[in-house]
Amino acid sequence: MKLDARHRGGVSLQGDIGAIELNNVFQFLDYATLSGELRIVTNGNSGSFFFQRGILIFGALGTNQKRIGDLLLESGCISVLQLNQGLKIHRQHGGRRRLGDILVRKGYLEFENLSETLKMQAREAFFETLRWKEGMFFFFVNQYPSREEILINERIDHLLLEGIVRLDHTVSGTDSVKQVK
């Protein structure tokens, strides 16, 4: 794995997902109340999760993640026309401006709806990684997401409980999973 400039301090913790399951890594970060970035790399995908004193504050997958525009459209927060207009502006700026920010500034979307959708997206990324059985994880202490990211505050113990319920329902073939709070 190639490290970028912000990871110059090196890896504080690393391991093989096959030997140490991610749910145990997440629990350790929670119990140790660590702050930093957990980078997870598996065949065909990667994830990046940021923690502040053991609380998940941001998370995203490299690939196979539903895009924010699709999530906002599915939830009825924006229309297809609004999404297309936002994407046009996004492309005009070379992808440097965030789509969510564009939609809020245009008045198509309330900031609270964007924030909730981003929180849902981060939660889904977290749950997806719990399925990964191969790959490596790397923890970089005292790393934080970029300032333009909308931060969430999710307790790991709650996420793990919900993730276990989801995995159990997936294994048993039940698609209807109620959210555990």
N, C-alpha and C. Protein backbone atom coordinates (compact mmCIF):
# COMPACT_ATOMS: atom_id res chain seq x y z
N MET A 1 0.85 -1.18 0.00
CA MET A 1 0.00 0.00 0.00
C MET A 1 0.89 1.23 0.00
N LYS A 2 0.60 2.15 -0.89
CA LYS A 2 1.36 3.40 -0.97
C LYS A 2 0.73 4.40 -0.01
N LEU A 3 1.55 5.05 0.81
CA LEU A 3 1.07 6.02 1.77
C LEU A 3 1.16 7.41 1.18
N ASP A 4 0.14 8.23 1.42
CA ASP A 4 0.20 9.60 0.94
C ASP A 4 0.85 10.49 2.00
N ALA A 5 0.98 11.76 1.69
CA ALA A 5 1.73 12.70 2.54
C ALA A 5 1.20 12.76 3.97
N ARG A 6 -0.09 12.65 4.16
CA ARG A 6 -0.64 12.77 5.51
C ARG A 6 -0.32 11.57 6.39
N HIS A 7 0.17 10.49 5.80
CA HIS A 7 0.50 9.28 6.56
C HIS A 7 2.00 9.14 6.81
N ARG A 8 2.73 10.23 6.75
CA ARG A 8 4.18 10.18 6.93
C ARG A 8 4.59 9.63 8.29
N GLY A 9 3.74 9.80 9.29
CA GLY A 9 4.07 9.30 10.62
C GLY A 9 4.11 7.79 10.70
N GLY A 10 3.58 7.13 9.70
CA GLY A 10 3.62 5.68 9.65
C GLY A 10 2.40 5.03 10.27
N VAL A 11 2.37 3.74 10.14
CA VAL A 11 1.27 2.92 10.61
C VAL A 11 1.45 2.64 12.10
N SER A 12 0.41 2.88 12.88
CA SER A 12 0.45 2.60 14.31
C SER A 12 0.01 1.18 14.63
N LEU A 13 -0.84 0.64 13.77
CA LEU A 13 -1.38 -0.70 13.98
C LEU A 13 -1.74 -1.26 12.61
N GLN A 14 -1.40 -2.50 12.37
CA GLN A 14 -1.80 -3.12 11.11
C GLN A 14 -1.99 -4.60 11.31
N GLY A 15 -2.72 -5.22 10.39
CA GLY A 15 -2.93 -6.64 10.51
C GLY A 15 -3.69 -7.22 9.34
N ASP A 16 -3.84 -8.52 9.37
CA ASP A 16 -4.51 -9.30 8.34
C ASP A 16 -5.95 -9.56 8.79
N ILE A 17 -6.91 -9.20 7.95
CA ILE A 17 -8.32 -9.40 8.27
C ILE A 17 -8.64 -10.89 8.45
N GLY A 18 -7.92 -11.76 7.75
CA GLY A 18 -8.12 -13.19 7.91
C GLY A 18 -7.76 -13.68 9.30
N ALA A 19 -6.83 -13.01 9.95
CA ALA A 19 -6.38 -13.40 11.29
C ALA A 19 -7.12 -12.63 12.39
N ILE A 20 -7.39 -11.36 12.13
CA ILE A 20 -8.08 -10.51 13.10
C ILE A 20 -9.28 -9.89 12.39
N GLU A 21 -10.46 -10.36 12.71
CA GLU A 21 -11.66 -9.87 12.03
C GLU A 21 -11.88 -8.39 12.32
N LEU A 22 -12.47 -7.69 11.35
CA LEU A 22 -12.66 -6.25 11.48
C LEU A 22 -13.52 -5.86 12.67
N ASN A 23 -14.49 -6.69 13.04
CA ASN A 23 -15.29 -6.32 14.21
C ASN A 23 -14.42 -6.22 15.46
N ASN A 24 -13.38 -7.06 15.56
CA ASN A 24 -12.45 -6.97 16.69
C ASN A 24 -11.58 -5.72 16.61
N VAL A 25 -11.20 -5.34 15.40
CA VAL A 25 -10.41 -4.12 15.22
C VAL A 25 -11.24 -2.91 15.62
N PHE A 26 -12.49 -2.87 15.15
CA PHE A 26 -13.38 -1.76 15.50
C PHE A 26 -13.58 -1.69 17.02
N GLN A 27 -13.78 -2.84 17.66
CA GLN A 27 -13.95 -2.87 19.12
C GLN A 27 -12.72 -2.34 19.83
N PHE A 28 -11.54 -2.72 19.34
CA PHE A 28 -10.30 -2.24 19.96
C PHE A 28 -10.21 -0.72 19.87
N LEU A 29 -10.53 -0.16 18.70
CA LEU A 29 -10.48 1.30 18.54
C LEU A 29 -11.46 1.98 19.49
N ASP A 30 -12.61 1.35 19.68
CA ASP A 30 -13.62 1.87 20.60
C ASP A 30 -13.10 1.81 22.04
N TYR A 31 -12.66 0.65 22.48
CA TYR A 31 -12.21 0.47 23.87
C TYR A 31 -10.99 1.33 24.20
N ALA A 32 -10.09 1.46 23.23
CA ALA A 32 -8.87 2.24 23.46
C ALA A 32 -9.10 3.74 23.24
N THR A 33 -10.31 4.09 22.84
CA THR A 33 -10.70 5.49 22.53
C THR A 33 -9.65 6.18 21.67
N LEU A 34 -9.28 5.51 20.58
CA LEU A 34 -8.25 6.04 19.68
C LEU A 34 -8.83 7.05 18.69
N SER A 35 -7.96 7.92 18.23
CA SER A 35 -8.31 8.90 17.19
C SER A 35 -7.37 8.68 16.01
N GLY A 36 -7.95 8.63 14.82
CA GLY A 36 -7.14 8.45 13.62
C GLY A 36 -7.93 7.82 12.50
N GLU A 37 -7.20 7.33 11.51
CA GLU A 37 -7.82 6.74 10.32
C GLU A 37 -7.53 5.24 10.28
N LEU A 38 -8.58 4.47 10.04
CA LEU A 38 -8.45 3.04 9.79
C LEU A 38 -8.65 2.84 8.29
N ARG A 39 -7.62 2.43 7.62
CA ARG A 39 -7.69 2.15 6.19
C ARG A 39 -7.77 0.65 6.02
N ILE A 40 -8.73 0.16 5.26
CA ILE A 40 -8.93 -1.26 5.05
C ILE A 40 -8.81 -1.52 3.55
N VAL A 41 -8.00 -2.51 3.19
CA VAL A 41 -7.76 -2.82 1.79
C VAL A 41 -8.06 -4.30 1.58
N THR A 42 -8.94 -4.57 0.64
CA THR A 42 -9.28 -5.94 0.29
C THR A 42 -9.25 -6.06 -1.22
N ASN A 43 -9.37 -7.25 -1.72
CA ASN A 43 -9.32 -7.48 -3.16
C ASN A 43 -10.48 -6.76 -3.85
N GLY A 44 -10.18 -5.73 -4.61
CA GLY A 44 -11.20 -5.02 -5.37
C GLY A 44 -11.88 -3.87 -4.66
N ASN A 45 -11.51 -3.59 -3.41
CA ASN A 45 -12.16 -2.49 -2.71
C ASN A 45 -11.28 -2.01 -1.56
N SER A 46 -11.65 -0.88 -1.02
CA SER A 46 -10.96 -0.34 0.15
C SER A 46 -11.96 0.51 0.92
N GLY A 47 -11.62 0.78 2.15
CA GLY A 47 -12.46 1.63 2.99
C GLY A 47 -11.58 2.52 3.84
N SER A 48 -12.11 3.67 4.18
CA SER A 48 -11.39 4.61 5.03
C SER A 48 -12.36 5.10 6.09
N PHE A 49 -12.01 4.90 7.35
CA PHE A 49 -12.86 5.27 8.47
C PHE A 49 -12.06 6.10 9.45
N PHE A 50 -12.65 7.19 9.90
CA PHE A 50 -11.97 8.08 10.83
C PHE A 50 -12.68 8.03 12.18
N PHE A 51 -11.86 8.05 13.23
CA PHE A 51 -12.35 7.96 14.60
C PHE A 51 -11.82 9.11 15.42
N GLN A 52 -12.65 9.57 16.34
CA GLN A 52 -12.22 10.56 17.31
C GLN A 52 -12.58 10.02 18.68
N ARG A 53 -11.56 9.69 19.46
CA ARG A 53 -11.72 9.08 20.77
C ARG A 53 -12.67 7.86 20.72
N GLY A 54 -12.46 7.02 19.70
CA GLY A 54 -13.22 5.78 19.58
C GLY A 54 -14.58 5.91 18.92
N ILE A 55 -15.00 7.11 18.58
CA ILE A 55 -16.29 7.36 17.93
C ILE A 55 -16.07 7.50 16.44
N LEU A 56 -16.87 6.80 15.62
CA LEU A 56 -16.77 6.92 14.17
C LEU A 56 -17.27 8.30 13.76
N ILE A 57 -16.41 9.06 13.07
CA ILE A 57 -16.81 10.40 12.63
C ILE A 57 -16.93 10.52 11.11
N PHE A 58 -16.36 9.56 10.37
CA PHE A 58 -16.49 9.57 8.91
C PHE A 58 -16.11 8.21 8.38
N GLY A 59 -16.76 7.80 7.29
CA GLY A 59 -16.41 6.54 6.65
C GLY A 59 -16.88 6.49 5.22
N ALA A 60 -16.07 5.86 4.37
CA ALA A 60 -16.43 5.72 2.96
C ALA A 60 -15.68 4.53 2.36
N LEU A 61 -16.28 3.96 1.33
CA LEU A 61 -15.65 2.89 0.59
C LEU A 61 -15.03 3.46 -0.68
N GLY A 62 -14.02 2.77 -1.18
CA GLY A 62 -13.40 3.18 -2.44
C GLY A 62 -14.30 2.92 -3.63
N THR A 63 -14.93 1.76 -3.65
CA THR A 63 -15.84 1.38 -4.73
C THR A 63 -17.04 0.64 -4.15
N ASN A 64 -18.00 0.37 -4.99
CA ASN A 64 -19.21 -0.37 -4.62
C ASN A 64 -20.04 0.33 -3.56
N GLN A 65 -19.95 1.62 -3.49
CA GLN A 65 -20.76 2.38 -2.55
C GLN A 65 -21.76 3.18 -3.35
N LYS A 66 -23.00 3.19 -2.87
CA LYS A 66 -24.00 4.01 -3.55
C LYS A 66 -23.59 5.47 -3.46
N ARG A 67 -23.70 6.16 -4.56
CA ARG A 67 -23.34 7.56 -4.61
C ARG A 67 -24.39 8.40 -3.91
N ILE A 68 -23.93 9.53 -3.39
CA ILE A 68 -24.82 10.40 -2.61
C ILE A 68 -26.01 10.86 -3.44
N GLY A 69 -25.79 11.17 -4.72
CA GLY A 69 -26.89 11.59 -5.59
C GLY A 69 -27.97 10.53 -5.71
N ASP A 70 -27.55 9.28 -5.87
CA ASP A 70 -28.50 8.16 -5.97
C ASP A 70 -29.28 7.99 -4.66
N LEU A 71 -28.58 8.11 -3.54
CA LEU A 71 -29.25 7.98 -2.24
C LEU A 71 -30.27 9.09 -2.02
N LEU A 72 -29.90 10.31 -2.38
CA LEU A 72 -30.82 11.45 -2.23
C LEU A 72 -32.03 11.30 -3.14
N LEU A 73 -31.80 10.79 -4.32
CA LEU A 73 -32.89 10.56 -5.27
C LEU A 73 -33.82 9.47 -4.76
N GLU A 74 -33.26 8.35 -4.31
CA GLU A 74 -34.06 7.24 -3.79
C GLU A 74 -34.90 7.64 -2.58
N SER A 75 -34.36 8.52 -1.76
CA SER A 75 -35.08 8.94 -0.55
C SER A 75 -36.11 10.03 -0.84
N GLY A 76 -36.14 10.53 -2.07
CA GLY A 76 -37.11 11.56 -2.44
C GLY A 76 -36.71 12.97 -2.01
N CYS A 77 -35.47 13.14 -1.59
CA CYS A 77 -35.01 14.47 -1.15
C CYS A 77 -34.81 15.43 -2.32
N ILE A 78 -34.47 14.87 -3.48
CA ILE A 78 -34.27 15.69 -4.68
C ILE A 78 -34.93 15.00 -5.87
N SER A 79 -35.12 15.76 -6.93
CA SER A 79 -35.70 15.20 -8.16
C SER A 79 -34.58 14.84 -9.14
N VAL A 80 -34.93 14.11 -10.17
CA VAL A 80 -33.97 13.75 -11.21
C VAL A 80 -33.42 15.01 -11.87
N LEU A 81 -34.29 15.98 -12.14
CA LEU A 81 -33.86 17.25 -12.74
C LEU A 81 -32.85 17.97 -11.83
N GLN A 82 -33.13 18.03 -10.54
CA GLN A 82 -32.22 18.68 -9.60
C GLN A 82 -30.88 17.96 -9.54
N LEU A 83 -30.92 16.62 -9.54
CA LEU A 83 -29.69 15.85 -9.53
C LEU A 83 -28.88 16.14 -10.78
N ASN A 84 -29.53 16.11 -11.94
CA ASN A 84 -28.82 16.36 -13.19
C ASN A 84 -28.22 17.76 -13.24
N GLN A 85 -28.95 18.75 -12.73
CA GLN A 85 -28.41 20.11 -12.69
C GLN A 85 -27.21 20.20 -11.75
N GLY A 86 -27.32 19.54 -10.60
CA GLY A 86 -26.20 19.52 -9.66
C GLY A 86 -24.99 18.81 -10.23
N LEU A 87 -25.21 17.70 -10.92
CA LEU A 87 -24.10 16.97 -11.54
C LEU A 87 -23.43 17.79 -12.65
N LYS A 88 -24.22 18.56 -13.38
CA LYS A 88 -23.67 19.42 -14.43
C LYS A 88 -22.72 20.45 -13.82
N ILE A 89 -23.13 21.08 -12.74
CA ILE A 89 -22.28 22.06 -12.05
C ILE A 89 -21.04 21.37 -11.48
N HIS A 90 -21.24 20.19 -10.93
CA HIS A 90 -20.14 19.40 -10.37
C HIS A 90 -19.08 19.14 -11.44
N ARG A 91 -19.51 18.73 -12.62
CA ARG A 91 -18.58 18.46 -13.74
C ARG A 91 -17.91 19.75 -14.21
N GLN A 92 -18.67 20.85 -14.25
CA GLN A 92 -18.10 22.13 -14.69
C GLN A 92 -16.95 22.57 -13.78
N HIS A 93 -16.97 22.16 -12.55
CA HIS A 93 -15.92 22.50 -11.60
C HIS A 93 -14.88 21.38 -11.48
N GLY A 94 -14.89 20.49 -12.45
CA GLY A 94 -13.91 19.41 -12.46
C GLY A 94 -14.02 18.46 -11.30
N GLY A 95 -15.21 18.36 -10.69
CA GLY A 95 -15.43 17.45 -9.57
C GLY A 95 -14.86 17.96 -8.25
N ARG A 96 -14.34 19.19 -8.24
CA ARG A 96 -13.74 19.73 -7.01
C ARG A 96 -14.79 20.16 -5.99
N ARG A 97 -15.95 20.58 -6.46
CA ARG A 97 -17.03 20.96 -5.52
C ARG A 97 -17.87 19.73 -5.21
N ARG A 98 -18.23 19.58 -3.98
CA ARG A 98 -19.04 18.43 -3.55
C ARG A 98 -20.46 18.57 -4.07
N LEU A 99 -21.00 17.47 -4.57
CA LEU A 99 -22.36 17.47 -5.10
C LEU A 99 -23.36 17.90 -4.03
N GLY A 100 -23.24 17.37 -2.84
CA GLY A 100 -24.16 17.73 -1.76
C GLY A 100 -24.14 19.22 -1.47
N ASP A 101 -22.96 19.80 -1.44
CA ASP A 101 -22.82 21.23 -1.21
C ASP A 101 -23.50 22.02 -2.33
N ILE A 102 -23.33 21.58 -3.55
CA ILE A 102 -23.97 22.25 -4.70
C ILE A 102 -25.48 22.21 -4.55
N LEU A 103 -26.02 21.05 -4.21
CA LEU A 103 -27.47 20.89 -4.09
C LEU A 103 -28.04 21.75 -2.96
N VAL A 104 -27.30 21.86 -1.86
CA VAL A 104 -27.75 22.70 -0.75
C VAL A 104 -27.71 24.17 -1.15
N ARG A 105 -26.61 24.60 -1.76
CA ARG A 105 -26.47 26.01 -2.16
C ARG A 105 -27.49 26.43 -3.22
N LYS A 106 -27.88 25.48 -4.06
CA LYS A 106 -28.90 25.77 -5.08
C LYS A 106 -30.31 25.80 -4.48
N GLY A 107 -30.45 25.37 -3.24
CA GLY A 107 -31.75 25.35 -2.60
C GLY A 107 -32.57 24.11 -2.91
N TYR A 108 -31.95 23.12 -3.51
CA TYR A 108 -32.65 21.88 -3.85
C TYR A 108 -32.75 20.93 -2.66
N LEU A 109 -31.92 21.15 -1.66
CA LEU A 109 -31.78 20.18 -0.59
C LEU A 109 -31.51 20.90 0.73
N GLU A 110 -32.15 20.44 1.78
CA GLU A 110 -31.89 20.97 3.12
C GLU A 110 -30.60 20.33 3.64
N PHE A 111 -29.80 21.12 4.35
CA PHE A 111 -28.55 20.62 4.89
C PHE A 111 -28.78 19.41 5.79
N GLU A 112 -29.85 19.43 6.58
CA GLU A 112 -30.15 18.31 7.50
C GLU A 112 -30.37 17.02 6.73
N ASN A 113 -31.04 17.10 5.57
CA ASN A 113 -31.26 15.90 4.75
C ASN A 113 -29.94 15.37 4.18
N LEU A 114 -29.07 16.30 3.76
CA LEU A 114 -27.75 15.90 3.27
C LEU A 114 -26.97 15.22 4.39
N SER A 115 -26.97 15.80 5.56
CA SER A 115 -26.24 15.27 6.69
C SER A 115 -26.73 13.87 7.06
N GLU A 116 -28.03 13.68 7.11
CA GLU A 116 -28.60 12.36 7.44
C GLU A 116 -28.26 11.32 6.38
N THR A 117 -28.28 11.73 5.12
CA THR A 117 -27.98 10.80 4.03
C THR A 117 -26.51 10.42 4.06
N LEU A 118 -25.63 11.37 4.34
CA LEU A 118 -24.20 11.06 4.46
C LEU A 118 -23.94 10.13 5.65
N LYS A 119 -24.68 10.33 6.72
CA LYS A 119 -24.56 9.46 7.88
C LYS A 119 -24.97 8.03 7.51
N MET A 120 -26.07 7.91 6.77
CA MET A 120 -26.53 6.59 6.33
C MET A 120 -25.48 5.95 5.40
N GLN A 121 -24.89 6.75 4.51
CA GLN A 121 -23.88 6.24 3.59
C GLN A 121 -22.66 5.71 4.36
N ALA A 122 -22.22 6.43 5.38
CA ALA A 122 -21.08 5.99 6.19
C ALA A 122 -21.41 4.72 6.96
N ARG A 123 -22.63 4.64 7.48
CA ARG A 123 -23.06 3.44 8.21
C ARG A 123 -23.06 2.23 7.27
N GLU A 124 -23.57 2.40 6.07
CA GLU A 124 -23.61 1.30 5.10
C GLU A 124 -22.20 0.85 4.73
N ALA A 125 -21.27 1.80 4.60
CA ALA A 125 -19.88 1.45 4.32
C ALA A 125 -19.31 0.61 5.46
N PHE A 126 -19.59 1.02 6.69
CA PHE A 126 -19.15 0.28 7.87
C PHE A 126 -19.68 -1.15 7.84
N PHE A 127 -20.98 -1.28 7.59
CA PHE A 127 -21.60 -2.62 7.57
C PHE A 127 -21.03 -3.48 6.46
N GLU A 128 -20.74 -2.88 5.31
CA GLU A 128 -20.16 -3.63 4.19
C GLU A 128 -18.82 -4.23 4.58
N THR A 129 -17.99 -3.47 5.28
CA THR A 129 -16.66 -3.98 5.63
C THR A 129 -16.74 -5.15 6.60
N LEU A 130 -17.79 -5.23 7.40
CA LEU A 130 -17.92 -6.35 8.32
C LEU A 130 -18.04 -7.68 7.58
N ARG A 131 -18.39 -7.65 6.30
CA ARG A 131 -18.49 -8.87 5.48
C ARG A 131 -17.14 -9.30 4.94
N TRP A 132 -16.17 -8.41 4.92
CA TRP A 132 -14.87 -8.70 4.32
C TRP A 132 -14.11 -9.69 5.18
N LYS A 133 -13.60 -10.73 4.56
CA LYS A 133 -12.88 -11.78 5.28
C LYS A 133 -11.42 -11.88 4.88
N GLU A 134 -11.01 -11.12 3.86
CA GLU A 134 -9.62 -11.12 3.40
C GLU A 134 -9.16 -9.68 3.23
N GLY A 135 -7.87 -9.49 3.39
CA GLY A 135 -7.30 -8.16 3.19
C GLY A 135 -6.49 -7.72 4.38
N MET A 136 -6.15 -6.44 4.38
CA MET A 136 -5.31 -5.87 5.42
C MET A 136 -5.95 -4.61 5.98
N PHE A 137 -5.61 -4.31 7.23
CA PHE A 137 -6.04 -3.05 7.82
C PHE A 137 -4.81 -2.30 8.32
N PHE A 138 -4.91 -0.98 8.29
CA PHE A 138 -3.83 -0.10 8.71
C PHE A 138 -4.45 1.04 9.52
N PHE A 139 -3.94 1.29 10.70
CA PHE A 139 -4.44 2.39 11.51
C PHE A 139 -3.35 3.45 11.64
N PHE A 140 -3.73 4.69 11.32
CA PHE A 140 -2.84 5.84 11.40
C PHE A 140 -3.36 6.76 12.49
N VAL A 141 -2.61 6.90 13.56
CA VAL A 141 -3.06 7.69 14.69
C VAL A 141 -3.09 9.18 14.34
N ASN A 142 -4.05 9.88 14.94
CA ASN A 142 -4.21 11.34 14.81
C ASN A 142 -4.36 11.83 13.38
N GLN A 143 -5.03 11.07 12.53
CA GLN A 143 -5.38 11.52 11.18
C GLN A 143 -6.86 11.85 11.17
N TYR A 144 -7.24 12.88 10.43
CA TYR A 144 -8.63 13.32 10.41
C TYR A 144 -9.08 13.55 8.98
N PRO A 145 -10.39 13.44 8.73
CA PRO A 145 -10.89 13.69 7.37
C PRO A 145 -10.70 15.15 6.99
N SER A 146 -10.83 15.43 5.70
CA SER A 146 -10.68 16.81 5.25
C SER A 146 -11.78 17.67 5.87
N ARG A 147 -11.51 18.95 5.95
CA ARG A 147 -12.43 19.87 6.63
C ARG A 147 -13.79 19.96 5.96
N GLU A 148 -13.87 19.66 4.66
CA GLU A 148 -15.17 19.80 4.00
C GLU A 148 -16.10 18.62 4.24
N GLU A 149 -15.60 17.56 4.86
CA GLU A 149 -16.45 16.41 5.15
C GLU A 149 -17.45 16.75 6.25
N ILE A 150 -18.66 16.26 6.08
CA ILE A 150 -19.67 16.38 7.13
C ILE A 150 -19.44 15.22 8.08
N LEU A 151 -19.20 15.55 9.33
CA LEU A 151 -18.85 14.52 10.30
C LEU A 151 -20.09 13.93 10.95
N ILE A 152 -19.98 12.66 11.28
CA ILE A 152 -21.04 11.95 11.99
C ILE A 152 -20.48 11.56 13.35
N ASN A 153 -21.32 11.16 14.23
CA ASN A 153 -20.88 10.67 15.54
C ASN A 153 -21.64 9.38 15.82
N GLU A 154 -20.98 8.27 15.54
CA GLU A 154 -21.60 6.96 15.71
C GLU A 154 -20.79 6.12 16.69
N ARG A 155 -21.46 5.60 17.69
CA ARG A 155 -20.79 4.71 18.64
C ARG A 155 -20.56 3.35 17.99
N ILE A 156 -19.36 2.85 18.14
CA ILE A 156 -18.97 1.59 17.53
C ILE A 156 -19.78 0.42 18.09
N ASP A 157 -20.02 0.41 19.40
CA ASP A 157 -20.76 -0.71 19.98
C ASP A 157 -22.16 -0.80 19.38
N HIS A 158 -22.80 0.33 19.13
CA HIS A 158 -24.14 0.32 18.51
C HIS A 158 -24.06 -0.16 17.06
N LEU A 159 -23.06 0.32 16.33
CA LEU A 159 -22.91 -0.10 14.94
C LEU A 159 -22.61 -1.60 14.84
N LEU A 160 -21.77 -2.09 15.73
CA LEU A 160 -21.45 -3.52 15.69
C LEU A 160 -22.66 -4.38 16.01
N LEU A 161 -23.47 -3.94 16.96
CA LEU A 161 -24.69 -4.68 17.28
C LEU A 161 -25.62 -4.74 16.07
N GLU A 162 -25.82 -3.59 15.44
CA GLU A 162 -26.67 -3.56 14.25
C GLU A 162 -26.06 -4.39 13.13
N GLY A 163 -24.72 -4.32 12.98
CA GLY A 163 -24.05 -5.10 11.94
C GLY A 163 -24.20 -6.60 12.14
N ILE A 164 -24.13 -7.05 13.39
CA ILE A 164 -24.31 -8.47 13.70
C ILE A 164 -25.72 -8.91 13.36
N VAL A 165 -26.70 -8.08 13.70
CA VAL A 165 -28.10 -8.40 13.37
C VAL A 165 -28.26 -8.49 11.85
N ARG A 166 -27.68 -7.54 11.13
CA ARG A 166 -27.77 -7.56 9.66
C ARG A 166 -27.12 -8.80 9.08
N LEU A 167 -25.92 -9.14 9.56
CA LEU A 167 -25.24 -10.33 9.05
C LEU A 167 -26.03 -11.58 9.36
N ASP A 168 -26.62 -11.65 10.54
CA ASP A 168 -27.43 -12.79 10.93
C ASP A 168 -28.63 -12.94 10.00
N HIS A 169 -29.27 -11.82 9.67
CA HIS A 169 -30.42 -11.86 8.77
C HIS A 169 -30.00 -12.22 7.36
N THR A 170 -28.82 -11.81 6.93
CA THR A 170 -28.32 -12.14 5.61
C THR A 170 -28.05 -13.63 5.52
N VAL A 171 -27.43 -14.19 6.55
CA VAL A 171 -27.12 -15.62 6.58
C VAL A 171 -28.40 -16.44 6.62
N SER A 172 -29.39 -15.98 7.38
CA SER A 172 -30.63 -16.75 7.50
C SER A 172 -31.58 -16.50 6.33
N GLY A 173 -31.20 -15.56 5.44
CA GLY A 173 -32.02 -15.32 4.25
C GLY A 173 -33.13 -14.31 4.45
N THR A 174 -33.17 -13.64 5.57
CA THR A 174 -34.19 -12.63 5.83
C THR A 174 -33.70 -11.28 5.33
N ASP A 175 -34.47 -10.65 4.45
CA ASP A 175 -34.08 -9.35 3.92
C ASP A 175 -34.58 -8.19 4.74
N SER A 176 -35.63 -8.39 5.51
CA SER A 176 -36.20 -7.28 6.26
C SER A 176 -35.47 -7.13 7.58
N VAL A 177 -34.58 -6.15 7.62
CA VAL A 177 -33.80 -5.89 8.83
C VAL A 177 -34.27 -4.59 9.43
N LYS A 178 -34.66 -4.66 10.68
CA LYS A 178 -35.06 -3.44 11.40
C LYS A 178 -33.83 -2.82 12.01
N GLN A 179 -33.81 -1.52 12.04
CA GLN A 179 -32.67 -0.81 12.59
C GLN A 179 -32.67 -0.93 14.11
N VAL A 180 -31.54 -1.34 14.66
CA VAL A 180 -31.37 -1.49 16.09
C VAL A 180 -30.82 -0.18 16.62
N LYS A 181 -31.42 0.35 17.68
CA LYS A 181 -30.91 1.60 18.27
C LYS A 181 -30.64 1.39 19.72
